[in-house]
């Protein structure tokens, strides 16, 4: 039986202004920007050094059925906004290594 591994998303992620800025600067649709970032989150979560991305431009282009040039334009626009080289800059803040402490008010735990 395989073990499920999880990563966290934040409630306002789809509407985070950084994604719109990256879409505008890269001249690519926001749907592509969000799809690339989602692939990067999953890759960073699986990586031995969590938070670091190893997925290639070619792999992203193949997975998302777009050109490598489109991927490169988005990745370049992400630099300094969502990533620092191969590291997702918000990783430590958004993906802490801790157990689910639940909701103090209700005592409920997450579905995990």
C-alpha atoms as a PDB file:
ATOM      1  CA  UNK A   1       0.000   0.000   0.000  1.00  0.00           C
ATOM      2  CA  UNK A   2       1.422   3.373  -1.002  1.00  0.00           C
ATOM      3  CA  UNK A   3       1.582   6.307   1.347  1.00  0.00           C
ATOM      4  CA  UNK A   4      -0.023   9.558   0.276  1.00  0.00           C
ATOM      5  CA  UNK A   5       2.180  12.608   0.522  1.00  0.00           C
ATOM      6  CA  UNK A   6       0.725  16.077   0.768  1.00  0.00           C
ATOM      7  CA  UNK A   7       1.625  19.653   0.094  1.00  0.00           C
ATOM      8  CA  UNK A   8      -0.279  22.771   1.098  1.00  0.00           C
ATOM      9  CA  UNK A   9      -2.033  25.392  -1.018  1.00  0.00           C
ATOM     10  CA  UNK A  10      -3.239  28.696   0.344  1.00  0.00           C
ATOM     11  CA  UNK A  11      -6.829  29.885  -0.051  1.00  0.00           C
ATOM     12  CA  UNK A  12      -5.978  32.974  -2.092  1.00  0.00           C
ATOM     13  CA  UNK A  13      -3.475  31.204  -4.331  1.00  0.00           C
ATOM     14  CA  UNK A  14      -5.561  31.382  -7.537  1.00  0.00           C
ATOM     15  CA  UNK A  15      -6.018  35.122  -7.038  1.00  0.00           C
ATOM     16  CA  UNK A  16      -2.508  35.980  -5.828  1.00  0.00           C
ATOM     17  CA  UNK A  17      -1.484  39.144  -7.749  1.00  0.00           C
ATOM     18  CA  UNK A  18       1.985  37.693  -8.416  1.00  0.00           C
ATOM     19  CA  UNK A  19       0.467  35.214 -10.869  1.00  0.00           C
ATOM     20  CA  UNK A  20      -1.226  38.013 -12.838  1.00  0.00           C
ATOM     21  CA  UNK A  21       2.031  39.966 -12.913  1.00  0.00           C
ATOM     22  CA  UNK A  22       3.914  36.911 -14.174  1.00  0.00           C
ATOM     23  CA  UNK A  23       1.242  36.287 -16.827  1.00  0.00           C
ATOM     24  CA  UNK A  24       1.472  39.895 -18.012  1.00  0.00           C
ATOM     25  CA  UNK A  25       5.272  40.026 -18.063  1.00  0.00           C
ATOM     26  CA  UNK A  26       5.615  36.644 -19.786  1.00  0.00           C
ATOM     27  CA  UNK A  27       2.740  37.389 -22.187  1.00  0.00           C
ATOM     28  CA  UNK A  28       1.250  33.985 -21.322  1.00  0.00           C
ATOM     29  CA  UNK A  29      -2.212  33.083 -20.005  1.00  0.00           C
ATOM     30  CA  UNK A  30      -2.648  32.912 -16.253  1.00  0.00           C
ATOM     31  CA  UNK A  31      -3.846  29.317 -16.652  1.00  0.00           C
ATOM     32  CA  UNK A  32      -0.390  28.372 -17.944  1.00  0.00           C
ATOM     33  CA  UNK A  33       1.341  30.274 -15.132  1.00  0.00           C
ATOM     34  CA  UNK A  34      -0.758  28.469 -12.501  1.00  0.00           C
ATOM     35  CA  UNK A  35      -0.251  25.086 -14.202  1.00  0.00           C
ATOM     36  CA  UNK A  36       3.518  25.528 -14.292  1.00  0.00           C
ATOM     37  CA  UNK A  37       3.573  26.585 -10.643  1.00  0.00           C
ATOM     38  CA  UNK A  38       1.451  23.581  -9.653  1.00  0.00           C
ATOM     39  CA  UNK A  39       3.905  21.239 -11.413  1.00  0.00           C
ATOM     40  CA  UNK A  40       6.769  22.995  -9.640  1.00  0.00           C
ATOM     41  CA  UNK A  41       5.080  22.639  -6.229  1.00  0.00           C
ATOM     42  CA  UNK A  42       4.587  18.907  -6.731  1.00  0.00           C
ATOM     43  CA  UNK A  43       8.168  18.466  -7.950  1.00  0.00           C
ATOM     44  CA  UNK A  44       9.530  20.486  -5.009  1.00  0.00           C
ATOM     45  CA  UNK A  45       7.470  18.408  -2.612  1.00  0.00           C
ATOM     46  CA  UNK A  46       8.866  15.133  -3.990  1.00  0.00           C
ATOM     47  CA  UNK A  47      12.455  16.326  -4.102  1.00  0.00           C
ATOM     48  CA  UNK A  48      14.930  14.959  -1.551  1.00  0.00           C
ATOM     49  CA  UNK A  49      15.803  18.599  -0.833  1.00  0.00           C
ATOM     50  CA  UNK A  50      12.227  19.810  -0.398  1.00  0.00           C
ATOM     51  CA  UNK A  51      11.501  23.167  -1.961  1.00  0.00           C
ATOM     52  CA  UNK A  52      13.946  22.664  -4.816  1.00  0.00           C
ATOM     53  CA  UNK A  53      12.629  22.098  -8.327  1.00  0.00           C
ATOM     54  CA  UNK A  54      14.251  19.644 -10.746  1.00  0.00           C
ATOM     55  CA  UNK A  55      11.549  19.417 -13.432  1.00  0.00           C
ATOM     56  CA  UNK A  56      12.921  20.482 -16.808  1.00  0.00           C
ATOM     57  CA  UNK A  57      11.574  22.979 -19.305  1.00  0.00           C
ATOM     58  CA  UNK A  58      11.149  20.135 -21.783  1.00  0.00           C
ATOM     59  CA  UNK A  59       9.162  18.052 -19.289  1.00  0.00           C
ATOM     60  CA  UNK A  60       6.912  21.005 -18.423  1.00  0.00           C
ATOM     61  CA  UNK A  61       6.318  21.769 -22.103  1.00  0.00           C
ATOM     62  CA  UNK A  62       5.430  18.145 -22.807  1.00  0.00           C
ATOM     63  CA  UNK A  63       3.169  17.850 -19.764  1.00  0.00           C
ATOM     64  CA  UNK A  64       1.291  21.060 -20.567  1.00  0.00           C
ATOM     65  CA  UNK A  65       1.288  20.748 -24.375  1.00  0.00           C
ATOM     66  CA  UNK A  66       2.999  24.089 -24.984  1.00  0.00           C
ATOM     67  CA  UNK A  67       6.369  25.175 -26.379  1.00  0.00           C
ATOM     68  CA  UNK A  68       9.575  25.365 -24.386  1.00  0.00           C
ATOM     69  CA  UNK A  69       9.686  29.070 -25.255  1.00  0.00           C
ATOM     70  CA  UNK A  70       6.357  29.588 -23.462  1.00  0.00           C
ATOM     71  CA  UNK A  71       7.661  27.738 -20.408  1.00  0.00           C
ATOM     72  CA  UNK A  72      10.908  29.729 -20.423  1.00  0.00           C
ATOM     73  CA  UNK A  73       9.054  33.042 -20.596  1.00  0.00           C
ATOM     74  CA  UNK A  74       6.986  32.106 -17.527  1.00  0.00           C
ATOM     75  CA  UNK A  75       9.971  30.735 -15.597  1.00  0.00           C
ATOM     76  CA  UNK A  76      11.956  33.901 -16.325  1.00  0.00           C
ATOM     77  CA  UNK A  77       9.066  36.053 -15.071  1.00  0.00           C
ATOM     78  CA  UNK A  78       8.801  33.889 -11.920  1.00  0.00           C
ATOM     79  CA  UNK A  79      12.445  34.551 -11.025  1.00  0.00           C
ATOM     80  CA  UNK A  80      12.609  36.790  -7.954  1.00  0.00           C
ATOM     81  CA  UNK A  81       8.840  36.635  -7.512  1.00  0.00           C
ATOM     82  CA  UNK A  82       8.110  32.952  -6.816  1.00  0.00           C
ATOM     83  CA  UNK A  83      11.473  31.300  -7.246  1.00  0.00           C
ATOM     84  CA  UNK A  84      15.127  31.903  -6.607  1.00  0.00           C
ATOM     85  CA  UNK A  85      17.011  29.724  -9.065  1.00  0.00           C
ATOM     86  CA  UNK A  86      15.762  26.184  -8.507  1.00  0.00           C
ATOM     87  CA  UNK A  87      14.219  26.995  -5.085  1.00  0.00           C
ATOM     88  CA  UNK A  88      10.593  28.048  -4.558  1.00  0.00           C
ATOM     89  CA  UNK A  89      11.048  31.178  -2.483  1.00  0.00           C
ATOM     90  CA  UNK A  90       7.916  30.783  -0.327  1.00  0.00           C
ATOM     91  CA  UNK A  91       8.501  27.104   0.390  1.00  0.00           C
ATOM     92  CA  UNK A  92       9.582  27.316   4.038  1.00  0.00           C
ATOM     93  CA  UNK A  93       6.733  29.661   4.941  1.00  0.00           C
ATOM     94  CA  UNK A  94       3.988  27.776   3.101  1.00  0.00           C
ATOM     95  CA  UNK A  95       5.185  24.173   3.495  1.00  0.00           C
ATOM     96  CA  UNK A  96       6.267  23.814   7.125  1.00  0.00           C
ATOM     97  CA  UNK A  97       7.266  20.389   8.385  1.00  0.00           C
ATOM     98  CA  UNK A  98       4.800  19.909  11.245  1.00  0.00           C
ATOM     99  CA  UNK A  99       1.917  17.736  12.234  1.00  0.00           C
ATOM    100  CA  UNK A 100      -1.653  18.913  11.869  1.00  0.00           C
ATOM    101  CA  UNK A 101      -2.612  20.574  15.148  1.00  0.00           C
ATOM    102  CA  UNK A 102      -6.171  21.156  13.980  1.00  0.00           C
ATOM    103  CA  UNK A 103      -8.502  23.991  14.798  1.00  0.00           C
ATOM    104  CA  UNK A 104      -8.140  25.190  18.405  1.00  0.00           C
ATOM    105  CA  UNK A 105     -11.690  26.531  18.435  1.00  0.00           C
ATOM    106  CA  UNK A 106     -13.464  23.383  17.174  1.00  0.00           C
ATOM    107  CA  UNK A 107     -10.836  20.722  17.840  1.00  0.00           C
ATOM    108  CA  UNK A 108     -11.255  19.458  14.264  1.00  0.00           C
ATOM    109  CA  UNK A 109      -8.333  17.972  12.385  1.00  0.00           C
ATOM    110  CA  UNK A 110      -7.815  18.179   8.633  1.00  0.00           C
ATOM    111  CA  UNK A 111      -8.922  15.320   6.390  1.00  0.00           C
ATOM    112  CA  UNK A 112      -5.345  14.074   6.300  1.00  0.00           C
END
